[in-house]
Amino acid sequence: GGEGLRPYLGGGVSVRQLSHHGQTAIKWGGQALGGVAVPLGDGWKVMLEGGYQQVAVWSGLMDLSGWVGQLGVGVHF
């Protein structure tokens, strides 16, 4: 039920495989996000979300933490 904008909040834990100049490392991270789902009809929706991701720094060399934004399309089946 319920047509219209559907706001949501979420979070999670991630595992990332990073590669740089022939070296590979597995790094843990986490993220917190919020967004809104906009129904398009027939079970389809557009999701617009933003949040912050934290990724463990790799040897003081690479820090991939930061703010992210995503746009997606989904369908209920």
N, C-alpha and C. Protein backbone atom coordinates (compact mmCIF):
# COMPACT_ATOMS: atom_id res chain seq x y z
N GLY A 1 0.71 -1.18 0.00
CA GLY A 1 0.00 0.00 0.00
C GLY A 1 0.76 1.28 0.00
N GLY A 2 -0.04 2.29 -0.21
CA GLY A 2 0.43 3.65 -0.09
C GLY A 2 1.25 4.14 -1.26
N GLU A 3 0.63 4.95 -2.09
CA GLU A 3 1.37 5.56 -3.19
C GLU A 3 1.93 6.89 -2.71
N GLY A 4 2.95 7.36 -3.33
CA GLY A 4 3.56 8.63 -2.96
C GLY A 4 5.01 8.43 -2.55
N LEU A 5 5.64 9.51 -2.16
CA LEU A 5 7.04 9.47 -1.74
C LEU A 5 7.19 8.62 -0.49
N ARG A 6 8.22 7.79 -0.46
CA ARG A 6 8.47 6.90 0.68
C ARG A 6 9.89 7.16 1.17
N PRO A 7 10.05 7.94 2.24
CA PRO A 7 11.39 8.17 2.78
C PRO A 7 11.92 6.92 3.51
N TYR A 8 13.25 6.76 3.56
CA TYR A 8 13.84 5.64 4.28
C TYR A 8 15.21 6.02 4.83
N LEU A 9 15.62 5.29 5.84
CA LEU A 9 16.94 5.41 6.45
C LEU A 9 17.56 4.02 6.47
N GLY A 10 18.88 3.95 6.40
CA GLY A 10 19.53 2.66 6.42
C GLY A 10 20.98 2.76 6.81
N GLY A 11 21.59 1.63 6.94
CA GLY A 11 23.00 1.56 7.27
C GLY A 11 23.50 0.17 7.00
N GLY A 12 24.80 0.02 6.99
CA GLY A 12 25.34 -1.30 6.72
C GLY A 12 26.83 -1.36 6.90
N VAL A 13 27.33 -2.56 6.76
CA VAL A 13 28.76 -2.86 6.84
C VAL A 13 29.19 -3.33 5.46
N SER A 14 30.39 -2.96 5.05
CA SER A 14 30.85 -3.35 3.72
C SER A 14 32.25 -3.94 3.78
N VAL A 15 32.57 -4.73 2.78
CA VAL A 15 33.91 -5.26 2.58
C VAL A 15 34.32 -4.85 1.17
N ARG A 16 35.48 -4.21 1.05
CA ARG A 16 35.93 -3.73 -0.25
C ARG A 16 37.29 -4.33 -0.58
N GLN A 17 37.46 -4.72 -1.83
CA GLN A 17 38.76 -5.16 -2.31
C GLN A 17 39.36 -4.00 -3.09
N LEU A 18 40.47 -3.47 -2.60
CA LEU A 18 41.14 -2.33 -3.21
C LEU A 18 42.41 -2.80 -3.90
N SER A 19 42.67 -2.26 -5.08
CA SER A 19 43.90 -2.59 -5.82
C SER A 19 44.57 -1.30 -6.25
N HIS A 20 45.90 -1.26 -6.11
CA HIS A 20 46.65 -0.07 -6.49
C HIS A 20 48.09 -0.50 -6.80
N HIS A 21 48.54 -0.26 -8.02
CA HIS A 21 49.91 -0.58 -8.44
C HIS A 21 50.31 -2.01 -8.10
N GLY A 22 49.44 -2.96 -8.41
CA GLY A 22 49.76 -4.36 -8.21
C GLY A 22 49.56 -4.89 -6.80
N GLN A 23 49.18 -4.03 -5.86
CA GLN A 23 48.92 -4.47 -4.49
C GLN A 23 47.41 -4.53 -4.28
N THR A 24 46.97 -5.51 -3.52
CA THR A 24 45.55 -5.68 -3.23
C THR A 24 45.35 -5.78 -1.73
N ALA A 25 44.27 -5.17 -1.24
CA ALA A 25 43.95 -5.24 0.18
C ALA A 25 42.44 -5.35 0.35
N ILE A 26 42.02 -6.04 1.39
CA ILE A 26 40.61 -6.12 1.77
C ILE A 26 40.41 -5.17 2.93
N LYS A 27 39.45 -4.25 2.81
CA LYS A 27 39.18 -3.26 3.84
C LYS A 27 37.71 -3.28 4.23
N TRP A 28 37.46 -3.18 5.54
CA TRP A 28 36.11 -3.10 6.07
C TRP A 28 35.66 -1.65 6.09
N GLY A 29 34.37 -1.46 6.02
CA GLY A 29 33.81 -0.12 6.10
C GLY A 29 32.39 -0.16 6.59
N GLY A 30 31.78 0.98 6.63
CA GLY A 30 30.38 1.09 7.04
C GLY A 30 29.76 2.28 6.36
N GLN A 31 28.44 2.33 6.38
CA GLN A 31 27.76 3.46 5.78
C GLN A 31 26.43 3.73 6.45
N ALA A 32 26.03 4.99 6.42
CA ALA A 32 24.73 5.43 6.89
C ALA A 32 24.11 6.21 5.74
N LEU A 33 22.83 5.97 5.46
CA LEU A 33 22.21 6.63 4.33
C LEU A 33 20.75 6.95 4.60
N GLY A 34 20.23 7.81 3.79
CA GLY A 34 18.82 8.16 3.81
C GLY A 34 18.41 8.48 2.39
N GLY A 35 17.13 8.34 2.11
CA GLY A 35 16.68 8.62 0.77
C GLY A 35 15.18 8.65 0.66
N VAL A 36 14.74 8.70 -0.57
CA VAL A 36 13.32 8.71 -0.85
C VAL A 36 13.07 7.85 -2.09
N ALA A 37 11.99 7.08 -2.04
CA ALA A 37 11.57 6.26 -3.18
C ALA A 37 10.34 6.93 -3.79
N VAL A 38 10.38 7.12 -5.09
CA VAL A 38 9.29 7.78 -5.82
C VAL A 38 8.64 6.74 -6.73
N PRO A 39 7.35 6.42 -6.49
CA PRO A 39 6.68 5.42 -7.33
C PRO A 39 6.44 5.92 -8.75
N LEU A 40 6.61 5.02 -9.72
CA LEU A 40 6.37 5.35 -11.12
C LEU A 40 5.15 4.61 -11.68
N GLY A 41 4.64 3.63 -10.94
CA GLY A 41 3.52 2.82 -11.40
C GLY A 41 3.97 1.42 -11.78
N ASP A 42 3.03 0.47 -11.76
CA ASP A 42 3.28 -0.93 -12.10
C ASP A 42 4.43 -1.54 -11.29
N GLY A 43 4.62 -1.09 -10.03
CA GLY A 43 5.66 -1.64 -9.16
C GLY A 43 7.02 -0.99 -9.32
N TRP A 44 7.20 -0.14 -10.31
CA TRP A 44 8.49 0.52 -10.54
C TRP A 44 8.63 1.74 -9.65
N LYS A 45 9.88 2.05 -9.27
CA LYS A 45 10.16 3.23 -8.47
C LYS A 45 11.55 3.76 -8.77
N VAL A 46 11.75 5.02 -8.48
CA VAL A 46 13.06 5.67 -8.58
C VAL A 46 13.51 5.94 -7.15
N MET A 47 14.75 5.64 -6.83
CA MET A 47 15.30 5.89 -5.50
C MET A 47 16.41 6.92 -5.60
N LEU A 48 16.34 7.92 -4.76
CA LEU A 48 17.37 8.94 -4.67
C LEU A 48 17.87 8.91 -3.24
N GLU A 49 19.18 8.65 -3.06
CA GLU A 49 19.70 8.55 -1.70
C GLU A 49 21.07 9.19 -1.58
N GLY A 50 21.39 9.52 -0.36
CA GLY A 50 22.68 10.09 -0.04
C GLY A 50 23.11 9.61 1.32
N GLY A 51 24.40 9.67 1.58
CA GLY A 51 24.88 9.21 2.87
C GLY A 51 26.38 9.38 3.00
N TYR A 52 26.90 8.79 4.04
CA TYR A 52 28.33 8.86 4.31
C TYR A 52 28.88 7.45 4.39
N GLN A 53 30.01 7.21 3.75
CA GLN A 53 30.66 5.90 3.84
C GLN A 53 32.02 6.07 4.49
N GLN A 54 32.33 5.16 5.39
CA GLN A 54 33.62 5.14 6.08
C GLN A 54 34.35 3.88 5.63
N VAL A 55 35.57 4.05 5.12
CA VAL A 55 36.39 2.92 4.67
C VAL A 55 37.73 3.01 5.38
N ALA A 56 38.22 1.90 5.90
CA ALA A 56 39.51 1.88 6.59
C ALA A 56 40.60 2.40 5.65
N VAL A 57 41.44 3.28 6.15
CA VAL A 57 42.53 3.86 5.35
C VAL A 57 43.54 2.78 5.01
N TRP A 58 44.04 2.81 3.79
CA TRP A 58 44.96 1.80 3.30
C TRP A 58 46.38 2.32 3.40
N SER A 59 47.14 1.83 4.37
CA SER A 59 48.56 2.14 4.57
C SER A 59 48.85 3.65 4.56
N GLY A 60 47.91 4.44 5.03
CA GLY A 60 48.08 5.88 5.04
C GLY A 60 48.12 6.48 3.65
N LEU A 61 47.84 5.67 2.65
CA LEU A 61 47.97 6.06 1.25
C LEU A 61 46.63 6.47 0.64
N MET A 62 45.58 5.73 0.94
CA MET A 62 44.33 5.92 0.25
C MET A 62 43.18 5.94 1.25
N ASP A 63 42.42 7.04 1.27
CA ASP A 63 41.25 7.16 2.13
C ASP A 63 40.04 7.38 1.24
N LEU A 64 39.17 6.37 1.14
CA LEU A 64 38.00 6.45 0.27
C LEU A 64 36.73 6.86 1.02
N SER A 65 36.86 7.30 2.27
CA SER A 65 35.70 7.73 3.03
C SER A 65 35.17 9.04 2.47
N GLY A 66 33.88 9.23 2.61
CA GLY A 66 33.30 10.49 2.16
C GLY A 66 31.81 10.40 1.92
N TRP A 67 31.26 11.49 1.46
CA TRP A 67 29.83 11.58 1.16
C TRP A 67 29.55 10.98 -0.22
N VAL A 68 28.43 10.30 -0.32
CA VAL A 68 28.05 9.67 -1.59
C VAL A 68 26.58 9.99 -1.91
N GLY A 69 26.26 9.97 -3.18
CA GLY A 69 24.89 10.11 -3.64
C GLY A 69 24.63 9.07 -4.71
N GLN A 70 23.41 8.57 -4.73
CA GLN A 70 23.07 7.52 -5.70
C GLN A 70 21.66 7.74 -6.23
N LEU A 71 21.47 7.35 -7.46
CA LEU A 71 20.17 7.38 -8.10
C LEU A 71 19.94 6.00 -8.68
N GLY A 72 18.80 5.40 -8.39
CA GLY A 72 18.54 4.06 -8.88
C GLY A 72 17.10 3.86 -9.31
N VAL A 73 16.85 2.78 -10.01
CA VAL A 73 15.52 2.39 -10.43
C VAL A 73 15.29 0.96 -9.97
N GLY A 74 14.11 0.69 -9.43
CA GLY A 74 13.81 -0.65 -8.95
C GLY A 74 12.39 -1.05 -9.27
N VAL A 75 12.10 -2.33 -9.09
CA VAL A 75 10.75 -2.85 -9.32
C VAL A 75 10.44 -3.92 -8.29
N HIS A 76 9.21 -3.93 -7.80
CA HIS A 76 8.73 -5.00 -6.92
C HIS A 76 8.19 -6.12 -7.78
N PHE A 77 8.58 -7.36 -7.46
CA PHE A 77 8.05 -8.51 -8.20
C PHE A 77 7.80 -9.66 -7.28
